[in-house]
C-alpha cells in the first residue's frame, strides 16, 4: 500500500499561496511602520537604499507567489511602485522624514530585481518540467 502525503500537490500550492498572501500583507504593514517611525535612523541595513531594494524585492516575490495567476509583470510592479510613491509622499509631511526620489528609485530596482529572478525561475521551472518525462512502467 502506497503511503499518502499529508497534502497533495494542489493543497500544497494553495497553502503556499495563502501563506505568501499573509506574508505579503504583513510585509506591507511592517514597511509602512518602519517608513513612518519618528526617528531619522530606521533599523535595518546601514545603507538606506538597500533597505528599500530588499523590502520591495521581498514584497514583489511574495505577491508573485501569493497571486500566481497574475502573469503580467505590470500587474505587480505598478501597485508596488505606487505604494513606494505613497510612502514617500507621506514621509514628505512628517517632521523627521523627507521625500526622496532615490528611495523611490531603489523601490523600483527592488521590484525589477525580483521580477527578473521570478522570470528566470519560471523559465527554469518550465524547462525542467517539460524535459522531465514520466515513466510509462
N, C-alpha and C. Protein backbone atom coordinates (compact mmCIF):
# COMPACT_ATOMS: atom_id res chain seq x y z
N UNK A 1 0.84 -1.17 0.00
CA UNK A 1 0.00 0.00 0.00
C UNK A 1 0.89 1.24 0.00
N UNK A 2 0.64 2.15 -0.91
CA UNK A 2 1.44 3.36 -1.04
C UNK A 2 1.09 4.34 0.08
N UNK A 3 2.12 4.93 0.63
CA UNK A 3 1.91 5.90 1.70
C UNK A 3 1.53 7.25 1.11
N UNK A 4 0.47 7.83 1.61
CA UNK A 4 -0.01 9.12 1.13
C UNK A 4 0.61 10.24 1.95
N UNK A 5 0.96 11.34 1.29
CA UNK A 5 1.46 12.51 1.99
C UNK A 5 0.32 13.23 2.69
N UNK A 6 0.67 14.13 3.56
CA UNK A 6 -0.34 14.89 4.29
C UNK A 6 -1.11 15.79 3.34
N UNK A 7 -0.40 16.42 2.40
CA UNK A 7 -1.03 17.33 1.43
C UNK A 7 -0.74 16.83 0.02
N UNK A 8 -1.72 16.94 -0.85
CA UNK A 8 -1.44 16.67 -2.25
C UNK A 8 -0.88 17.94 -2.89
N UNK A 9 -0.48 17.86 -4.13
CA UNK A 9 0.18 18.99 -4.80
C UNK A 9 -0.70 20.23 -4.84
N UNK A 10 -1.98 20.07 -5.13
CA UNK A 10 -2.88 21.22 -5.18
C UNK A 10 -3.06 21.86 -3.80
N UNK A 11 -3.16 21.04 -2.78
CA UNK A 11 -3.29 21.58 -1.42
C UNK A 11 -2.02 22.32 -1.00
N UNK A 12 -0.87 21.77 -1.37
CA UNK A 12 0.40 22.42 -1.04
C UNK A 12 0.52 23.76 -1.75
N UNK A 13 0.14 23.81 -3.03
CA UNK A 13 0.17 25.08 -3.76
C UNK A 13 -0.78 26.08 -3.14
N UNK A 14 -1.94 25.64 -2.72
CA UNK A 14 -2.89 26.53 -2.07
C UNK A 14 -2.36 27.06 -0.75
N UNK A 15 -1.70 26.19 0.00
CA UNK A 15 -1.11 26.61 1.27
C UNK A 15 0.01 27.64 1.05
N UNK A 16 0.86 27.37 0.07
CA UNK A 16 1.94 28.31 -0.25
C UNK A 16 1.36 29.65 -0.70
N UNK A 17 0.32 29.60 -1.51
CA UNK A 17 -0.33 30.83 -1.98
C UNK A 17 -0.89 31.63 -0.81
N UNK A 18 -1.61 30.95 0.08
CA UNK A 18 -2.23 31.64 1.23
C UNK A 18 -1.17 32.20 2.18
N UNK A 19 -0.13 31.41 2.48
CA UNK A 19 0.94 31.90 3.36
C UNK A 19 1.67 33.09 2.73
N UNK A 20 1.86 33.05 1.42
CA UNK A 20 2.51 34.17 0.72
C UNK A 20 1.64 35.42 0.79
N UNK A 21 0.33 35.25 0.68
CA UNK A 21 -0.57 36.40 0.77
C UNK A 21 -0.52 37.02 2.17
N UNK A 22 -0.55 36.19 3.19
CA UNK A 22 -0.47 36.69 4.57
C UNK A 22 0.87 37.38 4.80
N UNK A 23 1.94 36.76 4.33
CA UNK A 23 3.27 37.35 4.49
C UNK A 23 3.39 38.66 3.72
N UNK A 24 2.77 38.73 2.54
CA UNK A 24 2.80 39.96 1.75
C UNK A 24 2.16 41.11 2.52
N UNK A 25 0.94 40.89 3.01
CA UNK A 25 0.24 41.96 3.72
C UNK A 25 0.94 42.31 5.03
N UNK A 26 1.54 41.33 5.66
CA UNK A 26 2.34 41.60 6.87
C UNK A 26 3.53 42.48 6.52
N UNK A 27 4.17 42.17 5.40
CA UNK A 27 5.33 42.94 4.95
C UNK A 27 4.92 44.37 4.60
N UNK A 28 3.77 44.53 3.96
CA UNK A 28 3.27 45.86 3.63
C UNK A 28 3.12 46.69 4.91
N UNK A 29 2.55 46.08 5.94
CA UNK A 29 2.35 46.78 7.21
C UNK A 29 3.68 47.09 7.91
N UNK A 30 4.61 46.15 7.90
CA UNK A 30 5.91 46.37 8.53
C UNK A 30 6.68 47.47 7.81
N UNK A 31 6.64 47.46 6.48
CA UNK A 31 7.33 48.50 5.71
C UNK A 31 6.73 49.88 6.03
N UNK A 32 5.41 49.96 6.11
CA UNK A 32 4.77 51.24 6.46
C UNK A 32 5.19 51.67 7.86
N UNK A 33 5.17 50.75 8.81
CA UNK A 33 5.57 51.08 10.18
C UNK A 33 7.00 51.63 10.21
N UNK A 34 7.92 50.94 9.56
CA UNK A 34 9.32 51.37 9.55
C UNK A 34 9.49 52.70 8.81
N UNK A 35 8.71 52.89 7.76
CA UNK A 35 8.83 54.12 6.98
C UNK A 35 8.33 55.33 7.74
N UNK A 36 7.42 55.12 8.67
CA UNK A 36 6.83 56.24 9.39
C UNK A 36 7.34 56.38 10.82
N UNK A 37 8.35 55.60 11.19
CA UNK A 37 8.95 55.75 12.51
C UNK A 37 9.41 57.20 12.70
N UNK A 38 9.27 57.75 13.89
CA UNK A 38 9.68 59.13 14.09
C UNK A 38 11.19 59.36 14.05
N UNK A 39 11.97 58.34 14.26
CA UNK A 39 13.42 58.52 14.26
C UNK A 39 13.94 58.66 12.83
N UNK A 40 15.05 59.34 12.70
CA UNK A 40 15.66 59.52 11.38
C UNK A 40 16.45 58.29 10.96
N UNK A 41 16.90 57.52 11.93
CA UNK A 41 17.68 56.32 11.64
C UNK A 41 16.81 55.09 11.82
N UNK A 42 16.22 54.64 10.73
CA UNK A 42 15.37 53.46 10.78
C UNK A 42 16.25 52.22 10.95
N UNK A 43 15.73 51.19 11.63
CA UNK A 43 16.51 49.96 11.80
C UNK A 43 16.68 49.25 10.45
N UNK A 44 17.70 48.45 10.36
CA UNK A 44 17.92 47.67 9.14
C UNK A 44 19.34 47.79 8.67
N UNK A 45 19.53 47.57 7.39
CA UNK A 45 20.86 47.67 6.80
C UNK A 45 21.36 49.10 6.91
N UNK A 46 22.67 49.26 6.92
CA UNK A 46 23.24 50.59 7.13
C UNK A 46 23.00 51.52 5.94
N UNK A 47 22.84 51.00 4.76
CA UNK A 47 22.59 51.85 3.61
C UNK A 47 21.09 51.83 3.33
N UNK A 48 20.46 52.97 3.48
CA UNK A 48 19.01 53.10 3.37
C UNK A 48 18.47 52.55 2.04
N UNK A 49 19.20 52.76 0.97
CA UNK A 49 18.71 52.31 -0.34
C UNK A 49 18.63 50.78 -0.40
N UNK A 50 19.52 50.11 0.31
CA UNK A 50 19.48 48.64 0.35
C UNK A 50 18.22 48.18 1.08
N UNK A 51 17.81 48.91 2.11
CA UNK A 51 16.56 48.57 2.80
C UNK A 51 15.38 48.66 1.84
N UNK A 52 15.33 49.72 1.06
CA UNK A 52 14.24 49.89 0.09
C UNK A 52 14.26 48.78 -0.95
N UNK A 53 15.44 48.52 -1.51
CA UNK A 53 15.56 47.49 -2.54
C UNK A 53 15.12 46.13 -2.00
N UNK A 54 15.61 45.77 -0.83
CA UNK A 54 15.28 44.47 -0.25
C UNK A 54 13.80 44.36 0.09
N UNK A 55 13.24 45.40 0.71
CA UNK A 55 11.83 45.35 1.10
C UNK A 55 10.92 45.18 -0.11
N UNK A 56 11.19 45.93 -1.18
CA UNK A 56 10.32 45.85 -2.35
C UNK A 56 10.58 44.59 -3.17
N UNK A 57 11.78 44.05 -3.12
CA UNK A 57 12.03 42.76 -3.77
C UNK A 57 11.25 41.65 -3.06
N UNK A 58 11.28 41.68 -1.74
CA UNK A 58 10.55 40.67 -0.95
C UNK A 58 9.05 40.79 -1.19
N UNK A 59 8.52 42.02 -1.16
CA UNK A 59 7.08 42.19 -1.39
C UNK A 59 6.69 41.73 -2.80
N UNK A 60 7.54 41.99 -3.77
CA UNK A 60 7.25 41.54 -5.15
C UNK A 60 7.23 40.02 -5.23
N UNK A 61 8.20 39.37 -4.62
CA UNK A 61 8.25 37.91 -4.63
C UNK A 61 7.04 37.31 -3.92
N UNK A 62 6.69 37.88 -2.77
CA UNK A 62 5.52 37.38 -2.04
C UNK A 62 4.24 37.58 -2.85
N UNK A 63 4.12 38.70 -3.53
CA UNK A 63 2.95 38.95 -4.37
C UNK A 63 2.89 37.95 -5.53
N UNK A 64 4.05 37.66 -6.11
CA UNK A 64 4.08 36.70 -7.23
C UNK A 64 3.68 35.30 -6.78
N UNK A 65 4.10 34.89 -5.60
CA UNK A 65 3.71 33.57 -5.08
C UNK A 65 2.28 33.58 -4.53
N UNK A 66 1.86 34.71 -3.99
CA UNK A 66 0.52 34.81 -3.41
C UNK A 66 -0.59 34.90 -4.43
N UNK A 67 -0.28 35.50 -5.56
CA UNK A 67 -1.27 35.65 -6.63
C UNK A 67 -0.65 35.17 -7.93
N UNK A 68 -0.40 33.87 -8.07
CA UNK A 68 0.33 33.34 -9.23
C UNK A 68 -0.41 33.46 -10.56
N UNK A 69 -1.70 33.69 -10.54
CA UNK A 69 -2.43 33.81 -11.81
C UNK A 69 -2.20 35.16 -12.46
N UNK A 70 -1.62 36.12 -11.73
CA UNK A 70 -1.30 37.42 -12.31
C UNK A 70 0.00 37.26 -13.07
N UNK A 71 -0.10 36.90 -14.31
CA UNK A 71 1.08 36.60 -15.12
C UNK A 71 1.82 37.85 -15.57
N UNK A 72 1.14 38.95 -15.66
CA UNK A 72 1.75 40.17 -16.16
C UNK A 72 2.60 40.83 -15.09
N UNK A 73 3.84 41.14 -15.44
CA UNK A 73 4.71 41.87 -14.51
C UNK A 73 4.12 43.24 -14.20
N UNK A 74 3.41 43.80 -15.16
CA UNK A 74 2.77 45.11 -14.99
C UNK A 74 1.80 45.08 -13.83
N UNK A 75 1.09 43.97 -13.66
CA UNK A 75 0.10 43.88 -12.59
C UNK A 75 0.75 43.82 -11.21
N UNK A 76 2.04 43.55 -11.15
CA UNK A 76 2.75 43.56 -9.87
C UNK A 76 3.49 44.87 -9.62
N UNK A 77 4.22 45.35 -10.63
CA UNK A 77 5.09 46.48 -10.34
C UNK A 77 4.36 47.80 -10.23
N UNK A 78 3.26 47.98 -10.93
CA UNK A 78 2.55 49.26 -10.84
C UNK A 78 2.00 49.52 -9.43
N UNK A 79 1.25 48.57 -8.84
CA UNK A 79 0.76 48.84 -7.48
C UNK A 79 1.89 48.96 -6.45
N UNK A 80 2.93 48.15 -6.59
CA UNK A 80 4.04 48.23 -5.63
C UNK A 80 4.81 49.53 -5.78
N UNK A 81 5.04 49.96 -6.99
CA UNK A 81 5.72 51.23 -7.20
C UNK A 81 4.84 52.39 -6.70
N UNK A 82 3.54 52.26 -6.88
CA UNK A 82 2.61 53.25 -6.34
C UNK A 82 2.66 53.29 -4.83
N UNK A 83 2.80 52.13 -4.20
CA UNK A 83 2.92 52.06 -2.75
C UNK A 83 4.19 52.77 -2.29
N UNK A 84 5.27 52.54 -3.01
CA UNK A 84 6.53 53.23 -2.68
C UNK A 84 6.39 54.74 -2.80
N UNK A 85 5.70 55.20 -3.83
CA UNK A 85 5.48 56.63 -4.00
C UNK A 85 4.59 57.18 -2.89
N UNK A 86 3.57 56.44 -2.51
CA UNK A 86 2.70 56.86 -1.41
C UNK A 86 3.50 57.02 -0.11
N UNK A 87 4.39 56.09 0.15
CA UNK A 87 5.24 56.18 1.34
C UNK A 87 6.06 57.47 1.30
N UNK A 88 6.66 57.75 0.15
CA UNK A 88 7.49 58.95 0.03
C UNK A 88 6.66 60.23 0.20
N UNK A 89 5.46 60.24 -0.33
CA UNK A 89 4.58 61.41 -0.19
C UNK A 89 4.22 61.63 1.27
N UNK A 90 3.88 60.55 1.97
CA UNK A 90 3.55 60.67 3.39
C UNK A 90 4.78 61.11 4.19
N UNK A 91 5.95 60.57 3.85
CA UNK A 91 7.16 60.97 4.55
C UNK A 91 7.46 62.46 4.35
N UNK A 92 7.04 63.01 3.24
CA UNK A 92 7.27 64.43 2.96
C UNK A 92 6.60 65.33 4.00
N UNK A 93 5.47 64.90 4.53
CA UNK A 93 4.76 65.73 5.52
C UNK A 93 5.15 65.39 6.96
N UNK A 94 5.94 64.36 7.17
CA UNK A 94 6.39 64.01 8.52
C UNK A 94 7.60 64.88 8.90
N UNK A 95 7.64 65.33 10.14
CA UNK A 95 8.72 66.25 10.53
C UNK A 95 10.13 65.65 10.50
N UNK A 96 10.25 64.35 10.73
CA UNK A 96 11.60 63.74 10.78
C UNK A 96 11.92 62.94 9.52
N UNK A 97 11.09 63.03 8.52
CA UNK A 97 11.30 62.30 7.26
C UNK A 97 11.27 63.26 6.09
N UNK A 98 11.67 62.76 4.93
CA UNK A 98 11.63 63.60 3.73
C UNK A 98 11.35 62.76 2.50
N UNK A 99 10.82 63.40 1.48
CA UNK A 99 10.57 62.76 0.19
C UNK A 99 11.91 62.53 -0.49
N UNK A 100 12.10 61.35 -1.06
CA UNK A 100 13.36 61.05 -1.75
C UNK A 100 13.08 60.26 -3.03
N UNK A 101 13.44 60.87 -4.15
CA UNK A 101 13.32 60.16 -5.43
C UNK A 101 14.27 58.97 -5.48
N UNK A 102 15.42 59.09 -4.81
CA UNK A 102 16.37 57.97 -4.79
C UNK A 102 15.80 56.77 -4.04
N UNK A 103 15.08 57.04 -2.95
CA UNK A 103 14.42 55.94 -2.25
C UNK A 103 13.40 55.26 -3.16
N UNK A 104 12.63 56.07 -3.86
CA UNK A 104 11.61 55.53 -4.77
C UNK A 104 12.26 54.74 -5.90
N UNK A 105 13.40 55.23 -6.39
CA UNK A 105 14.13 54.51 -7.44
C UNK A 105 14.63 53.16 -6.90
N UNK A 106 15.10 53.15 -5.65
CA UNK A 106 15.54 51.90 -5.03
C UNK A 106 14.37 50.92 -4.90
N UNK A 107 13.18 51.44 -4.59
CA UNK A 107 11.98 50.59 -4.56
C UNK A 107 11.78 49.93 -5.92
N UNK A 108 11.87 50.76 -6.96
CA UNK A 108 11.69 50.24 -8.33
C UNK A 108 12.74 49.23 -8.71
N UNK A 109 13.98 49.45 -8.31
CA UNK A 109 15.04 48.48 -8.61
C UNK A 109 14.80 47.16 -7.87
N UNK A 110 14.29 47.24 -6.65
CA UNK A 110 13.95 46.02 -5.93
C UNK A 110 12.86 45.23 -6.63
N UNK A 111 11.86 45.95 -7.12
CA UNK A 111 10.77 45.31 -7.86
C UNK A 111 11.30 44.66 -9.13
N UNK A 112 12.12 45.39 -9.88
CA UNK A 112 12.68 44.84 -11.12
C UNK A 112 13.59 43.65 -10.86
N UNK A 113 14.39 43.72 -9.81
CA UNK A 113 15.28 42.60 -9.48
C UNK A 113 14.46 41.34 -9.17
N UNK A 114 13.42 41.51 -8.37
CA UNK A 114 12.58 40.35 -8.03
C UNK A 114 11.86 39.82 -9.26
N UNK A 115 11.32 40.71 -10.10
CA UNK A 115 10.64 40.26 -11.32
C UNK A 115 11.60 39.52 -12.24
N UNK A 116 12.85 39.99 -12.32
CA UNK A 116 13.85 39.29 -13.13
C UNK A 116 14.15 37.90 -12.60
N UNK A 117 14.32 37.79 -11.28
CA UNK A 117 14.58 36.48 -10.68
C UNK A 117 13.38 35.55 -10.83
N UNK A 118 12.19 36.10 -10.69
CA UNK A 118 10.97 35.30 -10.87
C UNK A 118 10.86 34.79 -12.29
N UNK A 119 11.17 35.66 -13.27
CA UNK A 119 11.12 35.25 -14.68
C UNK A 119 12.12 34.13 -14.95
N UNK A 120 13.33 34.27 -14.40
CA UNK A 120 14.33 33.22 -14.58
C UNK A 120 13.89 31.92 -13.93
N UNK A 121 13.33 32.01 -12.73
CA UNK A 121 12.84 30.82 -12.03
C UNK A 121 11.72 30.14 -12.82
N UNK A 122 10.78 30.92 -13.32
CA UNK A 122 9.67 30.35 -14.10
C UNK A 122 10.18 29.70 -15.38
N UNK A 123 11.16 30.34 -16.02
CA UNK A 123 11.74 29.77 -17.24
C UNK A 123 12.44 28.45 -16.93
N UNK A 124 13.23 28.43 -15.86
CA UNK A 124 13.91 27.20 -15.47
C UNK A 124 12.91 26.11 -15.13
N UNK A 125 11.87 26.48 -14.37
CA UNK A 125 10.86 25.51 -13.96
C UNK A 125 10.12 24.93 -15.16
N UNK A 126 9.78 25.78 -16.13
CA UNK A 126 9.05 25.27 -17.30
C UNK A 126 9.94 24.36 -18.14
N UNK A 127 11.22 24.67 -18.24
CA UNK A 127 12.15 23.79 -18.96
C UNK A 127 12.31 22.47 -18.23
N UNK A 128 12.45 22.54 -16.90
CA UNK A 128 12.64 21.34 -16.11
C UNK A 128 11.42 20.43 -16.20
N UNK A 129 10.23 21.02 -16.07
CA UNK A 129 9.02 20.21 -16.11
C UNK A 129 8.73 19.69 -17.51
N UNK A 130 9.09 20.44 -18.54
CA UNK A 130 8.82 19.97 -19.90
C UNK A 130 9.81 18.90 -20.31
N UNK A 131 11.05 18.93 -19.75
CA UNK A 131 12.03 17.92 -20.13
C UNK A 131 11.90 16.64 -19.30
N UNK A 132 11.28 16.75 -18.15
CA UNK A 132 11.08 15.55 -17.31
C UNK A 132 9.90 14.76 -17.84
N UNK A 133 10.18 13.58 -18.32
CA UNK A 133 9.13 12.73 -18.90
C UNK A 133 8.76 11.67 -17.87
N UNK A 134 7.46 11.51 -17.62
CA UNK A 134 7.05 10.47 -16.67
C UNK A 134 7.34 9.07 -17.20
N UNK A 135 7.67 8.20 -16.30
CA UNK A 135 7.95 6.82 -16.67
C UNK A 135 6.65 6.12 -17.04
N UNK A 136 6.70 5.27 -18.07
CA UNK A 136 5.50 4.55 -18.54
C UNK A 136 5.44 3.15 -17.95
N UNK A 137 6.34 2.81 -17.05
CA UNK A 137 6.32 1.46 -16.47
C UNK A 137 5.24 1.32 -15.47
